[in-house]
């Protein structure tokens, strides 16, 4: 097997009234290529699964059957990528790509590019809405990924400026009132104009009233 190596050694034995040297072969397990495990780095062999036993390597003297266990070091997570921000009214919604080996994410915010405070939120999804922001102020954001081995570097930085929605136009202002043309008989001649006034009646009933201009009252 290509993952075994052989070590020859000498030992003294008493044979026919005299000490003689006998060559023996000891077979010791040893991977030429370390084993692999997603998210981990191979850290050697040990006689206990949790690594609390004896380290086992090519210098270990084997005197009988022995079981050894692979030891692993967890990779820190990769940095999140493609962080994007969508502003709203007093809030910004963030989204980013999932990071390899991440257990959760921390969010970082600032009002100066490259300078952040960490938000008091532990996020396991790849989207989050930051609320309580001041409208018309520009905010800068970055995200880090975390697992038991530590934290990644920052993601790309993104920025957004929350703002209040625009007030709807007054439907009763002259600029936006629907206009009705008043014509005379079959000639189709416009004799005056009117506009429609909309209102809310009892029980939330919507009403529309045609209001004539003064030049029609003749």
Protein backbone atom coordinates (compact mmCIF):
# COMPACT_ATOMS: atom_id res chain seq x y z
CA UNK A 1 0.00 0.00 0.00
CA UNK A 2 1.42 3.38 -0.89
CA UNK A 3 0.49 4.90 2.44
CA UNK A 4 2.68 2.52 4.50
CA UNK A 5 6.38 2.88 5.13
CA UNK A 6 8.78 0.24 6.44
CA UNK A 7 11.48 0.68 9.04
CA UNK A 8 14.15 -1.96 9.63
CA UNK A 9 15.84 -2.22 12.99
CA UNK A 10 18.07 -4.63 14.85
CA UNK A 11 17.50 -6.35 18.14
CA UNK A 12 19.58 -8.83 20.23
CA UNK A 13 18.28 -12.35 20.87
CA UNK A 14 19.83 -15.25 22.81
CA UNK A 15 20.25 -18.22 20.44
CA UNK A 16 22.22 -21.48 20.98
CA UNK A 17 24.02 -20.07 24.02
CA UNK A 18 25.09 -16.87 22.28
CA UNK A 19 23.69 -13.39 21.57
CA UNK A 20 22.98 -12.79 17.93
CA UNK A 21 21.51 -9.89 15.95
CA UNK A 22 18.24 -10.46 14.18
CA UNK A 23 16.82 -8.06 11.61
CA UNK A 24 13.09 -7.42 12.01
CA UNK A 25 10.71 -5.22 10.00
CA UNK A 26 8.22 -2.87 11.63
CA UNK A 27 5.31 -1.60 9.52
CA UNK A 28 4.18 1.86 10.56
CA UNK A 29 1.16 3.59 8.97
CA UNK A 30 2.10 6.85 7.33
CA UNK A 31 0.31 8.73 4.53
CA UNK A 32 2.65 9.99 1.82
CA UNK A 33 -0.12 12.49 0.93
CA UNK A 34 -1.98 13.86 3.96
CA UNK A 35 -5.73 13.12 4.10
CA UNK A 36 -8.12 15.94 3.31
CA UNK A 37 -11.33 17.22 4.84
CA UNK A 38 -13.38 20.13 3.57
CA UNK A 39 -12.84 23.26 5.66
CA UNK A 40 -9.91 21.78 7.61
CA UNK A 41 -6.13 21.35 7.46
CA UNK A 42 -4.61 18.00 8.43
CA UNK A 43 -2.65 18.41 11.70
CA UNK A 44 -1.15 14.92 12.22
CA UNK A 45 -2.04 11.69 14.02
CA UNK A 46 -2.84 11.05 17.66
CA UNK A 47 -3.73 8.04 19.76
CA UNK A 48 -6.89 9.83 21.01
CA UNK A 49 -9.69 11.31 18.84
CA UNK A 50 -9.55 14.65 20.69
CA UNK A 51 -5.77 14.93 20.39
CA UNK A 52 -5.16 14.42 24.11
CA UNK A 53 -3.11 11.22 23.60
CA UNK A 54 0.33 10.61 22.16
CA UNK A 55 1.42 12.13 18.86
CA UNK A 56 2.03 9.40 16.30
CA UNK A 57 4.58 9.96 13.51
CA UNK A 58 7.50 8.27 11.75
CA UNK A 59 9.58 8.33 14.95
CA UNK A 60 7.02 6.42 17.01
CA UNK A 61 8.17 2.98 18.24
CA UNK A 62 5.39 0.43 17.75
CA UNK A 63 5.32 -2.55 20.12
CA UNK A 64 1.86 -3.85 19.29
CA UNK A 65 -1.47 -3.03 17.67
CA UNK A 66 -2.36 0.66 17.90
CA UNK A 67 -5.19 2.86 16.64
CA UNK A 68 -4.47 6.43 15.62
CA UNK A 69 -6.81 9.29 14.74
CA UNK A 70 -6.42 12.12 12.26
CA UNK A 71 -6.25 15.57 13.82
CA UNK A 72 -7.66 18.65 12.08
CA UNK A 73 -7.37 22.42 12.27
CA UNK A 74 -10.47 24.36 11.22
CA UNK A 75 -10.06 26.88 8.40
CA UNK A 76 -11.15 30.45 9.16
CA UNK A 77 -13.98 31.51 6.83
CA UNK A 78 -13.50 33.29 3.55
CA UNK A 79 -14.48 36.96 3.32
CA UNK A 80 -18.00 37.65 2.02
CA UNK A 81 -18.23 39.00 -1.52
CA UNK A 82 -20.54 41.18 -3.61
CA UNK A 83 -21.97 43.22 -0.73
CA UNK A 84 -24.79 45.43 -1.99
CA UNK A 85 -27.00 48.05 -0.32
CA UNK A 86 -30.53 49.21 -1.11
CA UNK A 87 -31.65 52.40 0.68
CA UNK A 88 -35.13 53.02 2.06
CA UNK A 89 -36.86 55.37 4.47
CA UNK A 90 -34.55 55.48 7.51
CA UNK A 91 -33.11 52.09 6.64
CA UNK A 92 -30.77 50.20 4.31
CA UNK A 93 -31.13 46.57 3.21
CA UNK A 94 -27.84 44.71 2.75
CA UNK A 95 -27.22 41.51 0.80
CA UNK A 96 -24.06 39.52 0.02
CA UNK A 97 -22.81 36.18 -1.28
CA UNK A 98 -22.48 33.29 1.14
CA UNK A 99 -18.88 32.83 2.40
CA UNK A 100 -17.20 29.41 2.50
CA UNK A 101 -16.89 27.91 6.02
CA UNK A 102 -18.94 30.73 7.60
CA UNK A 103 -21.18 30.00 10.59
CA UNK A 104 -22.46 33.57 10.95
CA UNK A 105 -21.78 37.17 9.90
CA UNK A 106 -21.14 40.48 11.63
CA UNK A 107 -22.18 43.81 10.12
CA UNK A 108 -20.09 46.97 10.23
CA UNK A 109 -21.32 50.53 9.63
CA UNK A 110 -19.74 53.97 9.47
CA UNK A 111 -20.26 57.47 8.16
CA UNK A 112 -16.67 57.66 6.86
CA UNK A 113 -15.35 55.25 4.24
CA UNK A 114 -13.14 52.54 5.77
CA UNK A 115 -14.03 53.37 9.41
CA UNK A 116 -16.72 51.19 10.99
CA UNK A 117 -18.56 50.32 14.17
CA UNK A 118 -19.87 46.79 14.55
CA UNK A 119 -23.65 46.45 14.71
CA UNK A 120 -25.08 44.45 17.65
CA UNK A 121 -26.45 41.72 15.42
CA UNK A 122 -25.42 38.13 14.72
CA UNK A 123 -26.68 37.21 11.26
CA UNK A 124 -26.85 33.69 9.84
CA UNK A 125 -28.56 34.66 6.57
CA UNK A 126 -27.03 36.64 3.69
CA UNK A 127 -29.37 39.62 3.94
CA UNK A 128 -30.14 42.11 6.70
CA UNK A 129 -32.03 45.40 7.02
CA UNK A 130 -30.34 48.08 9.12
CA UNK A 131 -32.98 50.36 10.66
CA UNK A 132 -32.98 53.58 12.69
CA UNK A 133 -30.80 55.48 10.22
CA UNK A 134 -30.90 59.21 9.51
CA UNK A 135 -32.38 60.13 6.16
CA UNK A 136 -30.14 61.99 3.68
CA UNK A 137 -26.96 60.81 5.45
CA UNK A 138 -24.54 58.53 3.59
CA UNK A 139 -23.56 55.32 5.38
CA UNK A 140 -20.75 52.88 4.55
CA UNK A 141 -21.07 49.14 5.17
CA UNK A 142 -18.88 46.02 5.28
CA UNK A 143 -19.45 42.43 6.44
CA UNK A 144 -17.23 39.79 8.09
CA UNK A 145 -17.75 36.02 8.27
CA UNK A 146 -17.08 34.03 11.45
CA UNK A 147 -16.62 30.46 12.66
CA UNK A 148 -14.89 28.76 15.61
CA UNK A 149 -11.47 29.40 14.04
CA UNK A 150 -11.95 33.16 13.90
CA UNK A 151 -13.12 35.92 11.57
CA UNK A 152 -12.52 36.67 7.92
CA UNK A 153 -11.37 39.95 6.53
CA UNK A 154 -13.89 42.59 5.47
CA UNK A 155 -16.05 42.17 2.43
CA UNK A 156 -16.06 44.85 -0.23
CA UNK A 157 -17.39 48.18 1.04
CA UNK A 158 -20.71 49.54 -0.15
CA UNK A 159 -22.58 52.74 0.61
CA UNK A 160 -26.17 53.98 0.64
CA UNK A 161 -28.13 57.10 1.57
CA UNK A 162 -31.59 56.51 3.09
CA UNK A 163 -34.29 59.05 2.27
CA UNK A 164 -37.95 59.75 2.97
CA UNK A 165 -40.41 59.03 0.18
CA UNK A 166 -41.59 61.99 -1.87
CA UNK A 167 -44.92 63.48 -0.80
CA UNK A 168 -47.72 62.67 -3.26
CA UNK A 169 -48.96 65.61 -5.30
CA UNK A 170 -52.11 67.38 -4.05
CA UNK A 171 -54.90 66.06 -6.27
CA UNK A 172 -56.83 69.31 -5.74
CA UNK A 173 -54.04 71.58 -6.92
CA UNK A 174 -54.77 73.19 -10.29
CA UNK A 175 -51.74 71.54 -11.88
CA UNK A 176 -53.04 68.02 -11.33
CA UNK A 177 -56.85 68.39 -11.35
CA UNK A 178 -58.54 66.31 -14.05
CA UNK A 179 -60.18 68.77 -16.48
CA UNK A 180 -63.58 68.46 -18.18
CA UNK A 181 -64.31 70.45 -21.37
CA UNK A 182 -67.90 71.75 -21.62
CA UNK A 183 -69.14 71.95 -25.22
CA UNK A 184 -72.23 73.48 -26.80
CA UNK A 185 -74.78 71.31 -28.60
CA UNK A 186 -73.76 69.45 -31.72
CA UNK A 187 -71.17 72.02 -32.75
CA UNK A 188 -68.59 70.75 -30.30
CA UNK A 189 -67.55 74.27 -29.49
CA UNK A 190 -65.91 74.51 -26.08
CA UNK A 191 -67.84 77.03 -24.07
CA UNK A 192 -66.15 76.46 -20.72
CA UNK A 193 -64.02 74.14 -18.62
CA UNK A 194 -64.58 72.29 -15.37
CA UNK A 195 -62.44 70.22 -13.07
CA UNK A 196 -63.10 67.16 -10.96
CA UNK A 197 -62.80 67.44 -7.18
CA UNK A 198 -62.26 64.14 -5.36
CA UNK A 199 -63.08 63.62 -1.67
CA UNK A 200 -63.78 60.93 0.92
CA UNK A 201 -67.36 60.73 2.20
CA UNK A 202 -68.87 58.96 5.22
CA UNK A 203 -67.82 55.34 5.55
CA UNK A 204 -64.69 55.95 3.47
CA UNK A 205 -66.87 56.44 0.38
CA UNK A 206 -64.96 58.09 -2.45
CA UNK A 207 -66.76 60.99 -4.19
CA UNK A 208 -66.03 62.98 -7.32
CA UNK A 209 -67.67 66.38 -7.94
CA UNK A 210 -67.56 68.39 -11.18
CA UNK A 211 -66.82 72.03 -10.39
CA UNK A 212 -67.56 74.51 -13.18
CA UNK A 213 -65.45 77.56 -13.89
CA UNK A 214 -67.04 80.99 -13.69
CA UNK A 215 -67.30 81.54 -17.43
CA UNK A 216 -69.85 78.68 -17.67
CA UNK A 217 -72.34 80.45 -15.44
CA UNK A 218 -74.03 82.52 -18.13
